[in-house]
Amino acid sequence: MDLGIKGRNALVCAASKGLGRGCAMSLAREGANVTIVARGREALEQTAADIRSATGARVAAVAADITTAEGRAAALAACPQPDILVNNAGGPPPGDFREWKREDWIKAVDANMLTPIELIKATVDGMIARKFGRVDNIMSNSGRVHHRPELPDRRGSVPRDVLTRSRAGCRAPCVTGSRRALLYPLSWRRVS
């Protein structure tokens, strides 16, 4: 199946392992040029080498913290015109929300809501101008799995779901909202 992304530029956050790595590998297998971002340089460089070896794709690696303005600037300098943006900054640690401090909540909202908003704001106009764009927001299982049914463990993920579904406030037909149906199956297909 041709997904129509061959030659497109993808920016994948938190891509050295897990869902981010799986998405980056799948996008590269489909012919996209991939820029991967993660904090840990060693794991990131290994992932980039693995993706290049497996796919022959062009892969750029940016060691940066995507939740900081400097990290986002570095990522966007390496991939200034992404056609595909995969927001993925990990998730909050599991636990009882009654034990979380204000700093825990702020950190989770910053990583899982404000960071994606900033990246979408920085990239959506270019997507509209190119008449092609995909914005995919991924959240960790800890943001969606309830450890006890009566205790929500969703710091940052509900607002990010709303953000994704609202198409970042843009009704342009070239930018899609939540594309989990595409990226989740791709992230697990043929990934070693």
N, C-alpha and C. Protein backbone atom coordinates (compact mmCIF):
# COMPACT_ATOMS: atom_id res chain seq x y z
N MET A 1 0.84 -1.17 0.00
CA MET A 1 0.00 0.00 0.00
C MET A 1 0.89 1.24 0.00
N ASP A 2 0.65 2.14 -0.91
CA ASP A 2 1.40 3.39 -0.98
C ASP A 2 0.70 4.43 -0.11
N LEU A 3 1.40 4.88 0.91
CA LEU A 3 0.83 5.86 1.82
C LEU A 3 1.00 7.29 1.34
N GLY A 4 1.69 7.48 0.22
CA GLY A 4 1.87 8.81 -0.33
C GLY A 4 2.82 9.68 0.47
N ILE A 5 3.76 9.07 1.18
CA ILE A 5 4.69 9.86 1.98
C ILE A 5 6.14 9.71 1.53
N LYS A 6 6.36 9.04 0.42
CA LYS A 6 7.73 8.89 -0.07
C LYS A 6 8.31 10.27 -0.39
N GLY A 7 9.49 10.55 0.15
CA GLY A 7 10.14 11.83 -0.06
C GLY A 7 9.66 12.93 0.86
N ARG A 8 8.66 12.67 1.67
CA ARG A 8 8.18 13.66 2.64
C ARG A 8 9.15 13.74 3.81
N ASN A 9 9.13 14.84 4.51
CA ASN A 9 10.00 15.04 5.67
C ASN A 9 9.21 14.84 6.95
N ALA A 10 9.74 13.96 7.80
CA ALA A 10 9.07 13.66 9.06
C ALA A 10 9.96 14.06 10.24
N LEU A 11 9.36 14.67 11.23
CA LEU A 11 10.03 15.02 12.47
C LEU A 11 9.37 14.17 13.56
N VAL A 12 10.17 13.29 14.18
CA VAL A 12 9.64 12.37 15.17
C VAL A 12 10.31 12.64 16.52
N CYS A 13 9.52 12.99 17.50
CA CYS A 13 10.04 13.31 18.83
C CYS A 13 10.12 12.07 19.70
N ALA A 14 11.05 12.09 20.65
CA ALA A 14 11.27 10.97 21.58
C ALA A 14 11.40 9.67 20.80
N ALA A 15 12.31 9.67 19.84
CA ALA A 15 12.38 8.59 18.86
C ALA A 15 13.51 7.60 19.05
N SER A 16 14.21 7.65 20.17
CA SER A 16 15.32 6.71 20.33
C SER A 16 14.87 5.32 20.73
N LYS A 17 13.65 5.21 21.25
CA LYS A 17 13.13 3.90 21.63
C LYS A 17 11.61 3.95 21.69
N GLY A 18 10.99 2.83 21.91
CA GLY A 18 9.55 2.75 22.10
C GLY A 18 8.75 3.16 20.87
N LEU A 19 7.59 3.79 21.13
CA LEU A 19 6.69 4.17 20.05
C LEU A 19 7.34 5.16 19.08
N GLY A 20 8.12 6.09 19.60
CA GLY A 20 8.79 7.05 18.72
C GLY A 20 9.71 6.35 17.73
N ARG A 21 10.52 5.41 18.22
CA ARG A 21 11.41 4.63 17.36
C ARG A 21 10.60 3.84 16.33
N GLY A 22 9.55 3.20 16.78
CA GLY A 22 8.71 2.42 15.88
C GLY A 22 8.10 3.28 14.78
N CYS A 23 7.63 4.45 15.15
CA CYS A 23 7.06 5.36 14.15
C CYS A 23 8.12 5.81 13.16
N ALA A 24 9.30 6.19 13.67
CA ALA A 24 10.38 6.64 12.79
C ALA A 24 10.79 5.53 11.83
N MET A 25 10.91 4.31 12.32
CA MET A 25 11.28 3.18 11.46
C MET A 25 10.21 2.97 10.39
N SER A 26 8.96 3.00 10.78
CA SER A 26 7.87 2.78 9.82
C SER A 26 7.79 3.89 8.78
N LEU A 27 7.96 5.12 9.20
CA LEU A 27 7.94 6.23 8.25
C LEU A 27 9.11 6.11 7.27
N ALA A 28 10.28 5.73 7.76
CA ALA A 28 11.44 5.54 6.89
C ALA A 28 11.20 4.39 5.91
N ARG A 29 10.59 3.32 6.38
CA ARG A 29 10.28 2.19 5.49
C ARG A 29 9.30 2.60 4.38
N GLU A 30 8.49 3.57 4.66
CA GLU A 30 7.53 4.05 3.66
C GLU A 30 8.13 5.13 2.77
N GLY A 31 9.41 5.44 2.96
CA GLY A 31 10.11 6.36 2.06
C GLY A 31 10.26 7.78 2.54
N ALA A 32 9.86 8.06 3.77
CA ALA A 32 10.01 9.43 4.30
C ALA A 32 11.45 9.68 4.74
N ASN A 33 11.88 10.92 4.63
CA ASN A 33 13.13 11.37 5.24
C ASN A 33 12.79 11.67 6.69
N VAL A 34 13.58 11.12 7.60
CA VAL A 34 13.21 11.18 9.01
C VAL A 34 14.25 11.95 9.82
N THR A 35 13.76 12.88 10.63
CA THR A 35 14.59 13.53 11.65
C THR A 35 14.08 13.04 12.98
N ILE A 36 14.97 12.42 13.75
CA ILE A 36 14.58 11.88 15.04
C ILE A 36 15.21 12.72 16.16
N VAL A 37 14.44 12.89 17.21
CA VAL A 37 14.87 13.72 18.34
C VAL A 37 14.70 12.91 19.62
N ALA A 38 15.71 12.99 20.49
CA ALA A 38 15.64 12.39 21.82
C ALA A 38 16.73 13.02 22.67
N ARG A 39 16.62 12.85 23.97
CA ARG A 39 17.61 13.45 24.88
C ARG A 39 18.92 12.67 24.91
N GLY A 40 18.85 11.35 24.88
CA GLY A 40 20.05 10.52 25.02
C GLY A 40 20.78 10.33 23.70
N ARG A 41 21.94 10.93 23.57
CA ARG A 41 22.68 10.89 22.29
C ARG A 41 23.05 9.47 21.87
N GLU A 42 23.53 8.65 22.78
CA GLU A 42 24.00 7.31 22.41
C GLU A 42 22.87 6.45 21.84
N ALA A 43 21.77 6.38 22.55
CA ALA A 43 20.62 5.59 22.07
C ALA A 43 20.07 6.19 20.78
N LEU A 44 20.06 7.50 20.68
CA LEU A 44 19.56 8.18 19.48
C LEU A 44 20.41 7.84 18.26
N GLU A 45 21.73 7.92 18.41
CA GLU A 45 22.63 7.62 17.29
C GLU A 45 22.50 6.15 16.87
N GLN A 46 22.32 5.26 17.84
CA GLN A 46 22.14 3.84 17.51
C GLN A 46 20.84 3.63 16.75
N THR A 47 19.79 4.30 17.19
CA THR A 47 18.51 4.21 16.49
C THR A 47 18.63 4.74 15.06
N ALA A 48 19.29 5.87 14.90
CA ALA A 48 19.48 6.43 13.55
C ALA A 48 20.23 5.44 12.67
N ALA A 49 21.28 4.83 13.19
CA ALA A 49 22.04 3.85 12.41
C ALA A 49 21.19 2.64 12.08
N ASP A 50 20.39 2.18 13.02
CA ASP A 50 19.51 1.03 12.77
C ASP A 50 18.49 1.33 11.68
N ILE A 51 17.91 2.52 11.73
CA ILE A 51 16.90 2.90 10.73
C ILE A 51 17.56 3.02 9.35
N ARG A 52 18.72 3.65 9.28
CA ARG A 52 19.44 3.75 7.99
C ARG A 52 19.75 2.37 7.43
N SER A 53 20.24 1.50 8.29
CA SER A 53 20.63 0.15 7.86
C SER A 53 19.42 -0.65 7.38
N ALA A 54 18.31 -0.53 8.08
CA ALA A 54 17.12 -1.30 7.74
C ALA A 54 16.37 -0.77 6.53
N THR A 55 16.48 0.55 6.28
CA THR A 55 15.62 1.15 5.26
C THR A 55 16.36 1.86 4.14
N GLY A 56 17.59 2.27 4.38
CA GLY A 56 18.31 3.09 3.41
C GLY A 56 17.83 4.52 3.38
N ALA A 57 16.98 4.88 4.31
CA ALA A 57 16.41 6.24 4.35
C ALA A 57 17.43 7.25 4.86
N ARG A 58 17.15 8.50 4.53
CA ARG A 58 17.93 9.60 5.08
C ARG A 58 17.40 9.88 6.49
N VAL A 59 18.30 9.79 7.46
CA VAL A 59 17.92 9.97 8.86
C VAL A 59 18.86 10.97 9.51
N ALA A 60 18.29 12.02 10.09
CA ALA A 60 19.06 12.99 10.87
C ALA A 60 18.71 12.78 12.34
N ALA A 61 19.72 12.84 13.19
CA ALA A 61 19.51 12.66 14.63
C ALA A 61 19.84 13.95 15.37
N VAL A 62 18.93 14.38 16.23
CA VAL A 62 19.12 15.60 17.01
C VAL A 62 18.99 15.25 18.48
N ALA A 63 20.09 15.33 19.20
CA ALA A 63 20.07 15.08 20.65
C ALA A 63 19.64 16.37 21.34
N ALA A 64 18.41 16.39 21.83
CA ALA A 64 17.86 17.59 22.46
C ALA A 64 16.64 17.22 23.28
N ASP A 65 16.31 18.07 24.21
CA ASP A 65 15.10 17.92 25.02
C ASP A 65 14.00 18.72 24.33
N ILE A 66 13.08 18.03 23.69
CA ILE A 66 12.04 18.66 22.89
C ILE A 66 11.10 19.51 23.74
N THR A 67 11.10 19.30 25.06
CA THR A 67 10.22 20.08 25.92
C THR A 67 10.77 21.47 26.22
N THR A 68 11.98 21.77 25.75
CA THR A 68 12.56 23.10 25.96
C THR A 68 12.54 23.89 24.65
N ALA A 69 12.53 25.20 24.76
CA ALA A 69 12.57 26.05 23.57
C ALA A 69 13.83 25.78 22.76
N GLU A 70 14.94 25.57 23.43
CA GLU A 70 16.21 25.30 22.73
C GLU A 70 16.14 23.96 21.99
N GLY A 71 15.54 22.96 22.62
CA GLY A 71 15.40 21.65 21.99
C GLY A 71 14.51 21.72 20.76
N ARG A 72 13.41 22.45 20.85
CA ARG A 72 12.52 22.59 19.70
C ARG A 72 13.21 23.35 18.58
N ALA A 73 13.98 24.37 18.94
CA ALA A 73 14.72 25.13 17.92
C ALA A 73 15.73 24.23 17.20
N ALA A 74 16.43 23.39 17.94
CA ALA A 74 17.40 22.48 17.33
C ALA A 74 16.72 21.48 16.40
N ALA A 75 15.58 20.95 16.84
CA ALA A 75 14.84 19.99 16.01
C ALA A 75 14.35 20.65 14.72
N LEU A 76 13.81 21.86 14.85
CA LEU A 76 13.29 22.55 13.67
C LEU A 76 14.39 23.07 12.77
N ALA A 77 15.58 23.30 13.32
CA ALA A 77 16.71 23.68 12.47
C ALA A 77 17.14 22.49 11.61
N ALA A 78 17.05 21.29 12.16
CA ALA A 78 17.41 20.09 11.42
C ALA A 78 16.33 19.66 10.43
N CYS A 79 15.09 20.00 10.74
CA CYS A 79 13.96 19.65 9.88
C CYS A 79 13.03 20.86 9.81
N PRO A 80 13.43 21.87 9.02
CA PRO A 80 12.69 23.14 9.04
C PRO A 80 11.31 23.09 8.40
N GLN A 81 11.06 22.11 7.55
CA GLN A 81 9.76 22.03 6.88
C GLN A 81 9.19 20.62 6.95
N PRO A 82 8.83 20.19 8.15
CA PRO A 82 8.27 18.84 8.24
C PRO A 82 6.89 18.75 7.60
N ASP A 83 6.70 17.67 6.87
CA ASP A 83 5.37 17.35 6.33
C ASP A 83 4.60 16.50 7.32
N ILE A 84 5.35 15.79 8.15
CA ILE A 84 4.78 14.90 9.16
C ILE A 84 5.43 15.24 10.48
N LEU A 85 4.63 15.52 11.48
CA LEU A 85 5.11 15.82 12.82
C LEU A 85 4.55 14.79 13.78
N VAL A 86 5.44 14.06 14.45
CA VAL A 86 5.01 13.09 15.44
C VAL A 86 5.42 13.62 16.82
N ASN A 87 4.43 14.15 17.55
CA ASN A 87 4.66 14.64 18.90
C ASN A 87 4.62 13.47 19.85
N ASN A 88 5.70 13.30 20.58
CA ASN A 88 5.82 12.16 21.48
C ASN A 88 6.88 12.54 22.50
N ALA A 89 6.47 12.90 23.70
CA ALA A 89 7.45 13.30 24.72
C ALA A 89 7.40 12.38 25.91
N GLY A 90 7.04 11.13 25.67
CA GLY A 90 6.92 10.21 26.80
C GLY A 90 5.67 10.51 27.58
N GLY A 91 5.65 10.09 28.80
CA GLY A 91 4.46 10.32 29.59
C GLY A 91 4.79 10.41 31.05
N PRO A 92 3.79 10.71 31.83
CA PRO A 92 4.02 10.81 33.26
C PRO A 92 4.28 9.43 33.86
N PRO A 93 5.01 9.36 34.93
CA PRO A 93 5.20 8.06 35.58
C PRO A 93 3.89 7.60 36.19
N PRO A 94 3.67 6.31 36.24
CA PRO A 94 2.43 5.82 36.84
C PRO A 94 2.40 6.15 38.33
N GLY A 95 1.22 6.27 38.85
CA GLY A 95 1.12 6.54 40.28
C GLY A 95 -0.23 7.10 40.65
N ASP A 96 -0.42 7.30 41.89
CA ASP A 96 -1.65 7.83 42.44
C ASP A 96 -1.64 9.35 42.30
N PHE A 97 -2.57 9.89 41.54
CA PHE A 97 -2.58 11.33 41.28
C PHE A 97 -2.70 12.15 42.55
N ARG A 98 -3.22 11.57 43.62
CA ARG A 98 -3.35 12.30 44.88
C ARG A 98 -2.01 12.59 45.52
N GLU A 99 -0.98 11.88 45.08
CA GLU A 99 0.37 12.07 45.62
C GLU A 99 1.21 13.02 44.77
N TRP A 100 0.70 13.45 43.62
CA TRP A 100 1.47 14.31 42.74
C TRP A 100 1.49 15.74 43.26
N LYS A 101 2.64 16.33 43.17
CA LYS A 101 2.82 17.73 43.55
C LYS A 101 2.50 18.61 42.35
N ARG A 102 2.33 19.88 42.60
CA ARG A 102 2.06 20.84 41.52
C ARG A 102 3.13 20.75 40.43
N GLU A 103 4.39 20.61 40.83
CA GLU A 103 5.49 20.52 39.85
C GLU A 103 5.32 19.32 38.93
N ASP A 104 4.79 18.20 39.46
CA ASP A 104 4.55 17.00 38.64
C ASP A 104 3.51 17.30 37.57
N TRP A 105 2.44 17.98 37.97
CA TRP A 105 1.38 18.33 37.03
C TRP A 105 1.89 19.30 35.96
N ILE A 106 2.61 20.31 36.38
CA ILE A 106 3.12 21.31 35.44
C ILE A 106 4.07 20.65 34.44
N LYS A 107 4.94 19.80 34.91
CA LYS A 107 5.87 19.10 34.02
C LYS A 107 5.12 18.24 33.00
N ALA A 108 4.09 17.52 33.46
CA ALA A 108 3.32 16.68 32.56
C ALA A 108 2.56 17.50 31.52
N VAL A 109 1.94 18.59 31.95
CA VAL A 109 1.21 19.44 31.01
C VAL A 109 2.18 20.09 30.02
N ASP A 110 3.33 20.50 30.50
CA ASP A 110 4.32 21.11 29.62
C ASP A 110 4.79 20.12 28.54
N ALA A 111 5.11 18.92 28.96
CA ALA A 111 5.63 17.92 28.01
C ALA A 111 4.56 17.39 27.08
N ASN A 112 3.37 17.17 27.59
CA ASN A 112 2.35 16.46 26.84
C ASN A 112 1.27 17.32 26.22
N MET A 113 1.28 18.60 26.52
CA MET A 113 0.31 19.49 25.90
C MET A 113 0.98 20.72 25.31
N LEU A 114 1.74 21.46 26.12
CA LEU A 114 2.32 22.71 25.64
C LEU A 114 3.41 22.48 24.59
N THR A 115 4.23 21.46 24.78
CA THR A 115 5.26 21.17 23.77
C THR A 115 4.63 20.84 22.42
N PRO A 116 3.65 19.93 22.36
CA PRO A 116 3.01 19.69 21.06
C PRO A 116 2.37 20.94 20.46
N ILE A 117 1.75 21.78 21.30
CA ILE A 117 1.15 23.01 20.79
C ILE A 117 2.23 23.88 20.14
N GLU A 118 3.36 24.05 20.81
CA GLU A 118 4.44 24.87 20.25
C GLU A 118 4.96 24.31 18.93
N LEU A 119 5.11 22.99 18.85
CA LEU A 119 5.58 22.39 17.60
C LEU A 119 4.55 22.51 16.48
N ILE A 120 3.30 22.35 16.83
CA ILE A 120 2.24 22.50 15.82
C ILE A 120 2.21 23.95 15.32
N LYS A 121 2.28 24.90 16.24
CA LYS A 121 2.29 26.32 15.83
C LYS A 121 3.46 26.61 14.89
N ALA A 122 4.60 25.98 15.15
CA ALA A 122 5.79 26.25 14.34
C ALA A 122 5.76 25.56 12.99
N THR A 123 4.91 24.56 12.80
CA THR A 123 4.95 23.78 11.56
C THR A 123 3.68 23.82 10.72
N VAL A 124 2.56 24.13 11.30
CA VAL A 124 1.29 23.99 10.59
C VAL A 124 1.16 24.94 9.39
N ASP A 125 1.69 26.15 9.47
CA ASP A 125 1.55 27.07 8.34
C ASP A 125 2.29 26.54 7.10
N GLY A 126 3.46 25.95 7.31
CA GLY A 126 4.19 25.35 6.19
C GLY A 126 3.44 24.18 5.60
N MET A 127 2.81 23.39 6.43
CA MET A 127 2.01 22.26 5.94
C MET A 127 0.86 22.76 5.09
N ILE A 128 0.22 23.81 5.54
CA ILE A 128 -0.89 24.38 4.78
C ILE A 128 -0.39 24.91 3.45
N ALA A 129 0.73 25.60 3.46
CA ALA A 129 1.28 26.16 2.22
C ALA A 129 1.66 25.05 1.23
N ARG A 130 2.16 23.93 1.74
CA ARG A 130 2.53 22.81 0.87
C ARG A 130 1.34 21.93 0.52
N LYS A 131 0.20 22.22 1.11
CA LYS A 131 -1.03 21.46 0.90
C LYS A 131 -0.87 19.98 1.28
N PHE A 132 -0.05 19.74 2.29
CA PHE A 132 0.13 18.40 2.83
C PHE A 132 0.65 18.53 4.24
N GLY A 133 0.05 17.79 5.15
CA GLY A 133 0.55 17.79 6.51
C GLY A 133 -0.11 16.73 7.35
N ARG A 134 0.66 16.17 8.23
CA ARG A 134 0.16 15.20 9.19
C ARG A 134 0.72 15.57 10.56
N VAL A 135 -0.16 15.69 11.53
CA VAL A 135 0.24 15.95 12.91
C VAL A 135 -0.28 14.79 13.73
N ASP A 136 0.65 14.07 14.34
CA ASP A 136 0.29 12.89 15.11
C ASP A 136 0.76 13.07 16.54
N ASN A 137 -0.16 12.99 17.47
CA ASN A 137 0.17 13.13 18.88
C ASN A 137 0.06 11.76 19.54
N ILE A 138 1.16 11.34 20.12
CA ILE A 138 1.20 10.04 20.77
C ILE A 138 1.34 10.26 22.26
N MET A 139 0.66 9.44 23.01
CA MET A 139 0.85 9.49 24.46
C MET A 139 1.23 8.10 24.95
N SER A 140 1.88 8.07 26.06
CA SER A 140 2.34 6.80 26.60
C SER A 140 1.19 6.02 27.20
N ASN A 141 1.42 4.74 27.43
CA ASN A 141 0.41 3.93 28.10
C ASN A 141 0.11 4.44 29.49
N SER A 142 1.12 5.00 30.18
CA SER A 142 0.85 5.49 31.53
C SER A 142 -0.12 6.66 31.50
N GLY A 143 -0.26 7.31 30.37
CA GLY A 143 -1.22 8.39 30.24
C GLY A 143 -2.61 7.91 29.92
N ARG A 144 -2.75 6.61 29.59
CA ARG A 144 -4.05 6.10 29.19
C ARG A 144 -4.51 4.91 30.02
N VAL A 145 -3.62 4.24 30.69
CA VAL A 145 -3.99 3.05 31.44
C VAL A 145 -4.30 3.43 32.87
N HIS A 146 -5.43 3.00 33.35
CA HIS A 146 -5.81 3.28 34.73
C HIS A 146 -5.30 2.14 35.60
N HIS A 147 -4.54 2.50 36.61
CA HIS A 147 -4.04 1.48 37.52
C HIS A 147 -5.14 1.02 38.46
N ARG A 148 -6.03 1.92 38.79
CA ARG A 148 -7.25 1.59 39.51
C ARG A 148 -8.35 2.38 38.82
N PRO A 149 -9.46 1.74 38.49
CA PRO A 149 -10.50 2.42 37.70
C PRO A 149 -10.96 3.75 38.27
N GLU A 150 -10.96 3.89 39.59
CA GLU A 150 -11.47 5.14 40.17
C GLU A 150 -10.43 6.25 40.16
N LEU A 151 -9.17 5.96 39.77
CA LEU A 151 -8.12 6.97 39.78
C LEU A 151 -7.64 7.28 38.36
N PRO A 152 -7.98 8.43 37.85
CA PRO A 152 -7.50 8.77 36.51
C PRO A 152 -6.00 9.03 36.52
N ASP A 153 -5.32 8.48 35.52
CA ASP A 153 -3.87 8.69 35.38
C ASP A 153 -3.66 9.29 34.00
N ARG A 154 -4.11 10.54 33.81
CA ARG A 154 -4.13 11.11 32.48
C ARG A 154 -3.56 12.52 32.45
N ARG A 155 -2.55 12.80 33.23
CA ARG A 155 -1.97 14.14 33.23
C ARG A 155 -1.51 14.51 31.83
N GLY A 156 -2.12 15.50 31.26
CA GLY A 156 -1.67 16.01 29.97
C GLY A 156 -2.26 15.30 28.77
N SER A 157 -2.74 14.06 28.91
CA SER A 157 -3.17 13.33 27.73
C SER A 157 -4.56 13.73 27.26
N VAL A 158 -5.48 14.04 28.15
CA VAL A 158 -6.81 14.47 27.72
C VAL A 158 -6.72 15.78 26.95
N PRO A 159 -6.02 16.79 27.47
CA PRO A 159 -5.91 18.02 26.68
C PRO A 159 -5.23 17.78 25.33
N ARG A 160 -4.25 16.89 25.31
CA ARG A 160 -3.57 16.63 24.04
C ARG A 160 -4.50 15.91 23.07
N ASP A 161 -5.35 15.01 23.57
CA ASP A 161 -6.35 14.39 22.71
C ASP A 161 -7.25 15.45 22.10
N VAL A 162 -7.70 16.39 22.93
CA VAL A 162 -8.56 17.46 22.44
C VAL A 162 -7.83 18.29 21.39
N LEU A 163 -6.57 18.60 21.67
CA LEU A 163 -5.77 19.37 20.71
C LEU A 163 -5.67 18.64 19.38
N THR A 164 -5.36 17.37 19.43
CA THR A 164 -5.22 16.59 18.20
C THR A 164 -6.52 16.59 17.42
N ARG A 165 -7.59 16.31 18.09
CA ARG A 165 -8.87 16.21 17.40
C ARG A 165 -9.35 17.56 16.86
N SER A 166 -8.87 18.62 17.44
CA SER A 166 -9.30 19.93 16.97
C SER A 166 -8.48 20.40 15.76
N ARG A 167 -7.53 19.57 15.33
CA ARG A 167 -6.67 19.89 14.19
C ARG A 167 -5.90 21.17 14.44
N ALA A 168 -5.46 21.30 15.65
CA ALA A 168 -4.64 22.45 16.06
C ALA A 168 -5.31 23.77 15.74
N GLY A 169 -6.64 23.79 15.78
CA GLY A 169 -7.37 25.02 15.52
C GLY A 169 -7.42 25.39 14.06
N CYS A 170 -7.01 24.47 13.20
CA CYS A 170 -6.92 24.76 11.77
C CYS A 170 -7.86 23.84 11.02
N ARG A 171 -8.73 24.38 10.26
CA ARG A 171 -9.67 23.57 9.50
C ARG A 171 -9.21 23.32 8.07
N ALA A 172 -7.95 23.62 7.79
CA ALA A 172 -7.42 23.41 6.44
C ALA A 172 -7.48 21.93 6.10
N PRO A 173 -7.94 21.57 4.90
CA PRO A 173 -8.09 20.16 4.55
C PRO A 173 -6.77 19.42 4.41
N CYS A 174 -5.66 20.12 4.35
CA CYS A 174 -4.39 19.44 4.14
C CYS A 174 -3.78 18.93 5.44
N VAL A 175 -4.29 19.35 6.57
CA VAL A 175 -3.71 18.92 7.84
C VAL A 175 -4.72 18.04 8.55
N THR A 176 -4.31 16.82 8.85
CA THR A 176 -5.23 15.90 9.49
C THR A 176 -5.05 15.95 10.98
N GLY A 177 -6.04 15.48 11.67
CA GLY A 177 -5.98 15.42 13.13
C GLY A 177 -5.33 14.13 13.57
N SER A 178 -5.97 13.44 14.47
CA SER A 178 -5.38 12.22 15.04
C SER A 178 -5.25 11.15 13.97
N ARG A 179 -4.04 10.64 13.82
CA ARG A 179 -3.77 9.63 12.80
C ARG A 179 -3.30 8.35 13.46
N ARG A 180 -3.78 8.08 14.66
CA ARG A 180 -3.34 6.87 15.35
C ARG A 180 -3.62 5.62 14.53
N ALA A 181 -4.69 5.62 13.75
CA ALA A 181 -5.01 4.46 12.94
C ALA A 181 -3.89 4.14 11.96
N LEU A 182 -3.17 5.15 11.52
CA LEU A 182 -2.04 4.94 10.60
C LEU A 182 -0.77 4.62 11.36
N LEU A 183 -0.38 5.46 12.31
CA LEU A 183 0.93 5.31 12.92
C LEU A 183 1.03 4.17 13.91
N TYR A 184 -0.01 3.88 14.68
CA TYR A 184 0.13 2.80 15.63
C TYR A 184 0.37 1.46 14.93
N PRO A 185 -0.42 1.09 13.90
CA PRO A 185 -0.11 -0.17 13.23
C PRO A 185 1.26 -0.14 12.55
N LEU A 186 1.63 0.99 11.98
CA LEU A 186 2.93 1.08 11.33
C LEU A 186 4.06 0.92 12.33
N SER A 187 3.85 1.43 13.54
CA SER A 187 4.95 1.42 14.50
C SER A 187 5.28 0.00 14.95
N TRP A 188 4.37 -0.90 14.80
CA TRP A 188 4.64 -2.28 15.25
C TRP A 188 4.92 -3.21 14.08
N ARG A 189 4.78 -2.74 12.84
CA ARG A 189 4.99 -3.60 11.69
C ARG A 189 6.47 -3.69 11.35
N ARG A 190 6.98 -4.86 11.31
CA ARG A 190 8.35 -5.15 10.89
C ARG A 190 9.39 -4.36 11.68
N VAL A 191 9.13 -4.08 12.91
CA VAL A 191 10.10 -3.36 13.73
C VAL A 191 10.82 -4.37 14.59
N SER A 192 12.14 -4.38 14.51
CA SER A 192 12.89 -5.35 15.33
C SER A 192 13.19 -4.77 16.69
